[in-house]
Amino acid sequence: MRFINLGFNNMILDERIVAIISPESAPAKRTVAEAKESGRIIDCTGGRKTKCVIITDSDHVVLSALSAEALSTRLNGEDSIEER
């Protein structure tokens, strides 16, 4: 069980991540709009531009100001906090 730093003191449990997608595609925009309407959106951008959209296994949609590449690096072991 590891927590991945999304920036701005926001963390997500790595086991809950289903997909990390680009926010520019039409399906991603539709997913974000639907999540906003139903109250399933979690904005972790700190007021900055959204660079990736994270889909969780609980159908929550997390917006992050970090790029998908940066999150991928963190998922592969760097900048994570392991449960002790």
PDB file of N, CA and C in Angstrom:
ATOM      1  N   MET A   1       0.844  -1.169   0.000  1.00  0.00           N
ATOM      2  CA  MET A   1       0.000   0.000   0.000  1.00  0.00           C
ATOM      3  C   MET A   1       0.894   1.239   0.000  1.00  0.00           C
ATOM      4  N   ARG A   2       0.804   2.011  -1.080  1.00  0.00           N
ATOM      5  CA  ARG A   2       1.615   3.231  -1.183  1.00  0.00           C
ATOM      6  C   ARG A   2       0.725   4.409  -1.534  1.00  0.00           C
ATOM      7  N   PHE A   3       1.075   5.556  -0.984  1.00  0.00           N
ATOM      8  CA  PHE A   3       0.418   6.798  -1.347  1.00  0.00           C
ATOM      9  C   PHE A   3       1.301   7.530  -2.351  1.00  0.00           C
ATOM     10  N   ILE A   4       0.701   8.004  -3.423  1.00  0.00           N
ATOM     11  CA  ILE A   4       1.406   8.732  -4.463  1.00  0.00           C
ATOM     12  C   ILE A   4       1.095  10.221  -4.288  1.00  0.00           C
ATOM     13  N   ASN A   5       2.131  11.035  -4.280  1.00  0.00           N
ATOM     14  CA  ASN A   5       1.987  12.470  -4.118  1.00  0.00           C
ATOM     15  C   ASN A   5       1.497  13.088  -5.429  1.00  0.00           C
ATOM     16  N   LEU A   6       0.339  13.757  -5.370  1.00  0.00           N
ATOM     17  CA  LEU A   6      -0.224  14.428  -6.544  1.00  0.00           C
ATOM     18  C   LEU A   6       0.175  15.892  -6.591  1.00  0.00           C
ATOM     19  N   GLY A   7       0.921  16.343  -5.614  1.00  0.00           N
ATOM     20  CA  GLY A   7       1.306  17.747  -5.514  1.00  0.00           C
ATOM     21  C   GLY A   7       0.366  18.495  -4.589  1.00  0.00           C
ATOM     22  N   PHE A   8       0.828  19.606  -4.054  1.00  0.00           N
ATOM     23  CA  PHE A   8       0.032  20.458  -3.170  1.00  0.00           C
ATOM     24  C   PHE A   8      -0.508  19.698  -1.962  1.00  0.00           C
ATOM     25  N   ASN A   9       0.319  18.797  -1.412  1.00  0.00           N
ATOM     26  CA  ASN A   9      -0.034  18.000  -0.224  1.00  0.00           C
ATOM     27  C   ASN A   9      -1.253  17.111  -0.444  1.00  0.00           C
ATOM     28  N   ASN A  10      -1.462  16.640  -1.660  1.00  0.00           N
ATOM     29  CA  ASN A  10      -2.548  15.718  -1.984  1.00  0.00           C
ATOM     30  C   ASN A  10      -1.946  14.356  -2.318  1.00  0.00           C
ATOM     31  N   MET A  11      -2.565  13.307  -1.796  1.00  0.00           N
ATOM     32  CA  MET A  11      -2.080  11.947  -2.013  1.00  0.00           C
ATOM     33  C   MET A  11      -3.219  11.066  -2.512  1.00  0.00           C
ATOM     34  N   ILE A  12      -2.829  10.018  -3.220  1.00  0.00           N
ATOM     35  CA  ILE A  12      -3.806   9.017  -3.661  1.00  0.00           C
ATOM     36  C   ILE A  12      -3.188   7.645  -3.452  1.00  0.00           C
ATOM     37  N   LEU A  13      -4.000   6.704  -3.050  1.00  0.00           N
ATOM     38  CA  LEU A  13      -3.546   5.341  -2.845  1.00  0.00           C
ATOM     39  C   LEU A  13      -3.334   4.680  -4.201  1.00  0.00           C
ATOM     40  N   ASP A  14      -2.140   4.145  -4.436  1.00  0.00           N
ATOM     41  CA  ASP A  14      -1.811   3.601  -5.763  1.00  0.00           C
ATOM     42  C   ASP A  14      -2.717   2.455  -6.185  1.00  0.00           C
ATOM     43  N   GLU A  15      -3.234   1.692  -5.229  1.00  0.00           N
ATOM     44  CA  GLU A  15      -4.096   0.556  -5.546  1.00  0.00           C
ATOM     45  C   GLU A  15      -5.454   0.975  -6.101  1.00  0.00           C
ATOM     46  N   ARG A  16      -5.841   2.223  -5.881  1.00  0.00           N
ATOM     47  CA  ARG A  16      -7.158   2.695  -6.306  1.00  0.00           C
ATOM     48  C   ARG A  16      -7.161   3.230  -7.732  1.00  0.00           C
ATOM     49  N   ILE A  17      -5.984   3.467  -8.308  1.00  0.00           N
ATOM     50  CA  ILE A  17      -5.894   4.059  -9.645  1.00  0.00           C
ATOM     51  C   ILE A  17      -6.214   3.011 -10.714  1.00  0.00           C
ATOM     52  N   VAL A  18      -7.170   3.342 -11.576  1.00  0.00           N
ATOM     53  CA  VAL A  18      -7.534   2.471 -12.692  1.00  0.00           C
ATOM     54  C   VAL A  18      -6.886   2.977 -13.970  1.00  0.00           C
ATOM     55  N   ALA A  19      -6.907   4.317 -14.178  1.00  0.00           N
ATOM     56  CA  ALA A  19      -6.357   4.882 -15.409  1.00  0.00           C
ATOM     57  C   ALA A  19      -5.878   6.306 -15.156  1.00  0.00           C
ATOM     58  N   ILE A  20      -4.867   6.702 -15.933  1.00  0.00           N
ATOM     59  CA  ILE A  20      -4.385   8.080 -15.957  1.00  0.00           C
ATOM     60  C   ILE A  20      -4.482   8.516 -17.412  1.00  0.00           C
ATOM     61  N   ILE A  21      -5.301   9.539 -17.678  1.00  0.00           N
ATOM     62  CA  ILE A  21      -5.559   9.938 -19.061  1.00  0.00           C
ATOM     63  C   ILE A  21      -5.313  11.428 -19.257  1.00  0.00           C
ATOM     64  N   SER A  22      -5.140  11.799 -20.516  1.00  0.00           N
ATOM     65  CA  SER A  22      -4.943  13.194 -20.893  1.00  0.00           C
ATOM     66  C   SER A  22      -6.279  13.927 -20.843  1.00  0.00           C
ATOM     67  N   PRO A  23      -6.301  15.161 -20.346  1.00  0.00           N
ATOM     68  CA  PRO A  23      -7.569  15.898 -20.244  1.00  0.00           C
ATOM     69  C   PRO A  23      -8.044  16.512 -21.559  1.00  0.00           C
ATOM     70  N   GLU A  24      -7.257  16.447 -22.629  1.00  0.00           N
ATOM     71  CA  GLU A  24      -7.618  17.109 -23.881  1.00  0.00           C
ATOM     72  C   GLU A  24      -8.583  16.321 -24.753  1.00  0.00           C
ATOM     73  N   SER A  25      -8.688  15.014 -24.555  1.00  0.00           N
ATOM     74  CA  SER A  25      -9.550  14.216 -25.428  1.00  0.00           C
ATOM     75  C   SER A  25     -11.025  14.446 -25.093  1.00  0.00           C
ATOM     76  N   ALA A  26     -11.865  14.245 -26.083  1.00  0.00           N
ATOM     77  CA  ALA A  26     -13.307  14.429 -25.894  1.00  0.00           C
ATOM     78  C   ALA A  26     -13.882  13.469 -24.838  1.00  0.00           C
ATOM     79  N   PRO A  27     -13.487  12.188 -24.847  1.00  0.00           N
ATOM     80  CA  PRO A  27     -14.008  11.293 -23.804  1.00  0.00           C
ATOM     81  C   PRO A  27     -13.592  11.721 -22.387  1.00  0.00           C
ATOM     82  N   ALA A  28     -12.371  12.241 -22.246  1.00  0.00           N
ATOM     83  CA  ALA A  28     -11.918  12.705 -20.932  1.00  0.00           C
ATOM     84  C   ALA A  28     -12.730  13.918 -20.494  1.00  0.00           C
ATOM     85  N   LYS A  29     -12.978  14.831 -21.407  1.00  0.00           N
ATOM     86  CA  LYS A  29     -13.790  16.019 -21.086  1.00  0.00           C
ATOM     87  C   LYS A  29     -15.200  15.622 -20.684  1.00  0.00           C
ATOM     88  N   ARG A  30     -15.769  14.633 -21.384  1.00  0.00           N
ATOM     89  CA  ARG A  30     -17.104  14.142 -21.061  1.00  0.00           C
ATOM     90  C   ARG A  30     -17.113  13.486 -19.673  1.00  0.00           C
ATOM     91  N   THR A  31     -16.080  12.700 -19.387  1.00  0.00           N
ATOM     92  CA  THR A  31     -15.973  12.028 -18.094  1.00  0.00           C
ATOM     93  C   THR A  31     -15.881  13.042 -16.960  1.00  0.00           C
ATOM     94  N   VAL A  32     -15.069  14.080 -17.146  1.00  0.00           N
ATOM     95  CA  VAL A  32     -14.924  15.126 -16.133  1.00  0.00           C
ATOM     96  C   VAL A  32     -16.244  15.864 -15.933  1.00  0.00           C
ATOM     97  N   ALA A  33     -16.934  16.197 -17.012  1.00  0.00           N
ATOM     98  CA  ALA A  33     -18.216  16.904 -16.909  1.00  0.00           C
ATOM     99  C   ALA A  33     -19.257  16.057 -16.176  1.00  0.00           C
ATOM    100  N   GLU A  34     -19.313  14.765 -16.482  1.00  0.00           N
ATOM    101  CA  GLU A  34     -20.258  13.870 -15.818  1.00  0.00           C
ATOM    102  C   GLU A  34     -19.924  13.729 -14.336  1.00  0.00           C
ATOM    103  N   ALA A  35     -18.639  13.662 -14.010  1.00  0.00           N
ATOM    104  CA  ALA A  35     -18.220  13.547 -12.612  1.00  0.00           C
ATOM    105  C   ALA A  35     -18.562  14.817 -11.831  1.00  0.00           C
ATOM    106  N   LYS A  36     -18.418  15.982 -12.465  1.00  0.00           N
ATOM    107  CA  LYS A  36     -18.786  17.241 -11.809  1.00  0.00           C
ATOM    108  C   LYS A  36     -20.278  17.272 -11.502  1.00  0.00           C
ATOM    109  N   GLU A  37     -21.086  16.837 -12.464  1.00  0.00           N
ATOM    110  CA  GLU A  37     -22.536  16.836 -12.289  1.00  0.00           C
ATOM    111  C   GLU A  37     -22.980  15.917 -11.154  1.00  0.00           C
ATOM    112  N   SER A  38     -22.312  14.785 -11.016  1.00  0.00           N
ATOM    113  CA  SER A  38     -22.716  13.804 -10.011  1.00  0.00           C
ATOM    114  C   SER A  38     -21.942  13.917  -8.701  1.00  0.00           C
ATOM    115  N   GLY A  39     -21.029  14.875  -8.593  1.00  0.00           N
ATOM    116  CA  GLY A  39     -20.289  15.080  -7.345  1.00  0.00           C
ATOM    117  C   GLY A  39     -19.186  14.068  -7.087  1.00  0.00           C
ATOM    118  N   ARG A  40     -18.645  13.486  -8.153  1.00  0.00           N
ATOM    119  CA  ARG A  40     -17.576  12.494  -8.015  1.00  0.00           C
ATOM    120  C   ARG A  40     -16.208  13.050  -8.383  1.00  0.00           C
ATOM    121  N   ILE A  41     -16.090  14.377  -8.537  1.00  0.00           N
ATOM    122  CA  ILE A  41     -14.837  14.999  -8.964  1.00  0.00           C
ATOM    123  C   ILE A  41     -14.019  15.402  -7.740  1.00  0.00           C
ATOM    124  N   ILE A  42     -12.713  15.222  -7.818  1.00  0.00           N
ATOM    125  CA  ILE A  42     -11.795  15.668  -6.781  1.00  0.00           C
ATOM    126  C   ILE A  42     -10.717  16.485  -7.484  1.00  0.00           C
ATOM    127  N   ASP A  43     -10.686  17.773  -7.191  1.00  0.00           N
ATOM    128  CA  ASP A  43      -9.754  18.684  -7.864  1.00  0.00           C
ATOM    129  C   ASP A  43      -8.509  18.877  -7.007  1.00  0.00           C
ATOM    130  N   CYS A  44      -7.381  18.340  -7.464  1.00  0.00           N
ATOM    131  CA  CYS A  44      -6.106  18.452  -6.751  1.00  0.00           C
ATOM    132  C   CYS A  44      -5.121  19.326  -7.526  1.00  0.00           C
ATOM    133  N   THR A  45      -5.629  20.248  -8.335  1.00  0.00           N
ATOM    134  CA  THR A  45      -4.763  21.067  -9.176  1.00  0.00           C
ATOM    135  C   THR A  45      -4.225  22.298  -8.469  1.00  0.00           C
ATOM    136  N   GLY A  46      -4.818  22.685  -7.372  1.00  0.00           N
ATOM    137  CA  GLY A  46      -4.373  23.889  -6.677  1.00  0.00           C
ATOM    138  C   GLY A  46      -4.569  25.143  -7.517  1.00  0.00           C
ATOM    139  N   GLY A  47      -5.573  25.148  -8.375  1.00  0.00           N
ATOM    140  CA  GLY A  47      -5.848  26.294  -9.222  1.00  0.00           C
ATOM    141  C   GLY A  47      -5.038  26.345 -10.505  1.00  0.00           C
ATOM    142  N   ARG A  48      -4.206  25.352 -10.715  1.00  0.00           N
ATOM    143  CA  ARG A  48      -3.397  25.314 -11.935  1.00  0.00           C
ATOM    144  C   ARG A  48      -4.115  24.533 -13.039  1.00  0.00           C
ATOM    145  N   LYS A  49      -3.504  24.517 -14.211  1.00  0.00           N
ATOM    146  CA  LYS A  49      -4.065  23.805 -15.354  1.00  0.00           C
ATOM    147  C   LYS A  49      -4.055  22.297 -15.096  1.00  0.00           C
ATOM    148  N   THR A  50      -5.126  21.630 -15.472  1.00  0.00           N
ATOM    149  CA  THR A  50      -5.209  20.175 -15.347  1.00  0.00           C
ATOM    150  C   THR A  50      -4.351  19.529 -16.431  1.00  0.00           C
ATOM    151  N   LYS A  51      -3.372  18.714 -16.009  1.00  0.00           N
ATOM    152  CA  LYS A  51      -2.501  18.036 -16.971  1.00  0.00           C
ATOM    153  C   LYS A  51      -2.804  16.555 -17.097  1.00  0.00           C
ATOM    154  N   CYS A  52      -3.511  15.991 -16.112  1.00  0.00           N
ATOM    155  CA  CYS A  52      -3.944  14.603 -16.256  1.00  0.00           C
ATOM    156  C   CYS A  52      -5.185  14.362 -15.415  1.00  0.00           C
ATOM    157  N   VAL A  53      -5.942  13.373 -15.841  1.00  0.00           N
ATOM    158  CA  VAL A  53      -7.166  12.971 -15.175  1.00  0.00           C
ATOM    159  C   VAL A  53      -6.963  11.539 -14.691  1.00  0.00           C
ATOM    160  N   ILE A  54      -7.238  11.316 -13.416  1.00  0.00           N
ATOM    161  CA  ILE A  54      -7.060   9.996 -12.821  1.00  0.00           C
ATOM    162  C   ILE A  54      -8.441   9.415 -12.535  1.00  0.00           C
ATOM    163  N   ILE A  55      -8.668   8.206 -13.027  1.00  0.00           N
ATOM    164  CA  ILE A  55      -9.913   7.491 -12.775  1.00  0.00           C
ATOM    165  C   ILE A  55      -9.632   6.454 -11.696  1.00  0.00           C
ATOM    166  N   THR A  56     -10.487   6.407 -10.664  1.00  0.00           N
ATOM    167  CA  THR A  56     -10.281   5.456  -9.571  1.00  0.00           C
ATOM    168  C   THR A  56     -11.286   4.313  -9.656  1.00  0.00           C
ATOM    169  N   ASP A  57     -11.032   3.274  -8.878  1.00  0.00           N
ATOM    170  CA  ASP A  57     -11.922   2.114  -8.885  1.00  0.00           C
ATOM    171  C   ASP A  57     -13.276   2.403  -8.231  1.00  0.00           C
ATOM    172  N   SER A  58     -13.400   3.523  -7.539  1.00  0.00           N
ATOM    173  CA  SER A  58     -14.676   3.914  -6.934  1.00  0.00           C
ATOM    174  C   SER A  58     -15.445   4.886  -7.830  1.00  0.00           C
ATOM    175  N   ASP A  59     -14.997   5.030  -9.078  1.00  0.00           N
ATOM    176  CA  ASP A  59     -15.595   5.924 -10.079  1.00  0.00           C
ATOM    177  C   ASP A  59     -15.432   7.400  -9.754  1.00  0.00           C
ATOM    178  N   HIS A  60     -14.506   7.734  -8.853  1.00  0.00           N
ATOM    179  CA  HIS A  60     -14.176   9.133  -8.630  1.00  0.00           C
ATOM    180  C   HIS A  60     -13.193   9.555  -9.713  1.00  0.00           C
ATOM    181  N   VAL A  61     -13.228  10.833 -10.050  1.00  0.00           N
ATOM    182  CA  VAL A  61     -12.340  11.393 -11.063  1.00  0.00           C
ATOM    183  C   VAL A  61     -11.486  12.448 -10.366  1.00  0.00           C
ATOM    184  N   VAL A  62     -10.171  12.258 -10.423  1.00  0.00           N
ATOM    185  CA  VAL A  62      -9.227  13.146  -9.752  1.00  0.00           C
ATOM    186  C   VAL A  62      -8.491  13.958 -10.816  1.00  0.00           C
ATOM    187  N   LEU A  63      -8.481  15.274 -10.635  1.00  0.00           N
ATOM    188  CA  LEU A  63      -7.761  16.166 -11.541  1.00  0.00           C
ATOM    189  C   LEU A  63      -6.420  16.513 -10.907  1.00  0.00           C
ATOM    190  N   SER A  64      -5.345  16.445 -11.692  1.00  0.00           N
ATOM    191  CA  SER A  64      -4.012  16.735 -11.176  1.00  0.00           C
ATOM    192  C   SER A  64      -3.276  17.715 -12.085  1.00  0.00           C
ATOM    193  N   ALA A  65      -2.457  18.550 -11.475  1.00  0.00           N
ATOM    194  CA  ALA A  65      -1.635  19.493 -12.231  1.00  0.00           C
ATOM    195  C   ALA A  65      -0.321  18.864 -12.661  1.00  0.00           C
ATOM    196  N   LEU A  66      -0.077  17.627 -12.252  1.00  0.00           N
ATOM    197  CA  LEU A  66       1.130  16.918 -12.682  1.00  0.00           C
ATOM    198  C   LEU A  66       0.865  16.198 -13.995  1.00  0.00           C
ATOM    199  N   SER A  67       1.887  16.051 -14.791  1.00  0.00           N
ATOM    200  CA  SER A  67       1.738  15.337 -16.063  1.00  0.00           C
ATOM    201  C   SER A  67       1.590  13.833 -15.813  1.00  0.00           C
ATOM    202  N   ALA A  68       1.054  13.142 -16.796  1.00  0.00           N
ATOM    203  CA  ALA A  68       0.912  11.690 -16.706  1.00  0.00           C
ATOM    204  C   ALA A  68       2.276  11.020 -16.562  1.00  0.00           C
ATOM    205  N   GLU A  69       3.288  11.580 -17.216  1.00  0.00           N
ATOM    206  CA  GLU A  69       4.639  11.019 -17.121  1.00  0.00           C
ATOM    207  C   GLU A  69       5.183  11.142 -15.699  1.00  0.00           C
ATOM    208  N   ALA A  70       4.946  12.288 -15.058  1.00  0.00           N
ATOM    209  CA  ALA A  70       5.419  12.491 -13.685  1.00  0.00           C
ATOM    210  C   ALA A  70       4.725  11.521 -12.733  1.00  0.00           C
ATOM    211  N   LEU A  71       3.431  11.342 -12.911  1.00  0.00           N
ATOM    212  CA  LEU A  71       2.711  10.392 -12.062  1.00  0.00           C
ATOM    213  C   LEU A  71       3.166   8.958 -12.315  1.00  0.00           C
ATOM    214  N   SER A  72       3.445   8.633 -13.560  1.00  0.00           N
ATOM    215  CA  SER A  72       3.940   7.295 -13.886  1.00  0.00           C
ATOM    216  C   SER A  72       5.267   7.026 -13.185  1.00  0.00           C
ATOM    217  N   THR A  73       6.135   8.021 -13.182  1.00  0.00           N
ATOM    218  CA  THR A  73       7.421   7.888 -12.490  1.00  0.00           C
ATOM    219  C   THR A  73       7.201   7.656 -11.001  1.00  0.00           C
ATOM    220  N   ARG A  74       6.285   8.399 -10.434  1.00  0.00           N
ATOM    221  CA  ARG A  74       5.995   8.246  -9.007  1.00  0.00           C
ATOM    222  C   ARG A  74       5.364   6.888  -8.713  1.00  0.00           C
ATOM    223  N   LEU A  75       4.534   6.391  -9.611  1.00  0.00           N
ATOM    224  CA  LEU A  75       3.936   5.069  -9.424  1.00  0.00           C
ATOM    225  C   LEU A  75       4.985   3.966  -9.485  1.00  0.00           C
ATOM    226  N   ASN A  76       6.057   4.217 -10.225  1.00  0.00           N
ATOM    227  CA  ASN A  76       7.117   3.219 -10.361  1.00  0.00           C
ATOM    228  C   ASN A  76       8.150   3.291  -9.251  1.00  0.00           C
ATOM    229  N   GLY A  77       7.852   4.046  -8.191  1.00  0.00           N
ATOM    230  CA  GLY A  77       8.717   3.973  -7.033  1.00  0.00           C
ATOM    231  C   GLY A  77       9.308   5.256  -6.506  1.00  0.00           C
ATOM    232  N   GLU A  78       9.354   6.302  -7.291  1.00  0.00           N
ATOM    233  CA  GLU A  78       9.937   7.549  -6.813  1.00  0.00           C
ATOM    234  C   GLU A  78       8.864   8.430  -6.188  1.00  0.00           C
ATOM    235  N   ASP A  79       9.226   9.190  -5.177  1.00  0.00           N
ATOM    236  CA  ASP A  79       8.351  10.177  -4.533  1.00  0.00           C
ATOM    237  C   ASP A  79       7.063   9.575  -3.957  1.00  0.00           C
ATOM    238  N   SER A  80       7.105   8.363  -3.473  1.00  0.00           N
ATOM    239  CA  SER A  80       5.916   7.783  -2.860  1.00  0.00           C
ATOM    240  C   SER A  80       6.163   7.603  -1.364  1.00  0.00           C
ATOM    241  N   ILE A  81       5.088   7.470  -0.614  1.00  0.00           N
ATOM    242  CA  ILE A  81       5.183   7.274   0.825  1.00  0.00           C
ATOM    243  C   ILE A  81       4.590   5.899   1.115  1.00  0.00           C
ATOM    244  N   GLU A  82       5.418   4.988   1.617  1.00  0.00           N
ATOM    245  CA  GLU A  82       4.946   3.640   1.901  1.00  0.00           C
ATOM    246  C   GLU A  82       4.415   3.565   3.323  1.00  0.00           C
ATOM    247  N   GLU A  83       3.376   2.735   3.498  1.00  0.00           N
ATOM    248  CA  GLU A  83       2.829   2.535   4.836  1.00  0.00           C
ATOM    249  C   GLU A  83       3.836   1.770   5.667  1.00  0.00           C
ATOM    250  N   ARG A  84       3.998   2.195   6.877  1.00  0.00           N
ATOM    251  CA  ARG A  84       4.992   1.556   7.759  1.00  0.00           C
ATOM    252  C   ARG A  84       4.328   0.772   8.843  1.00  0.00           C
TER     253      ARG A  84
END
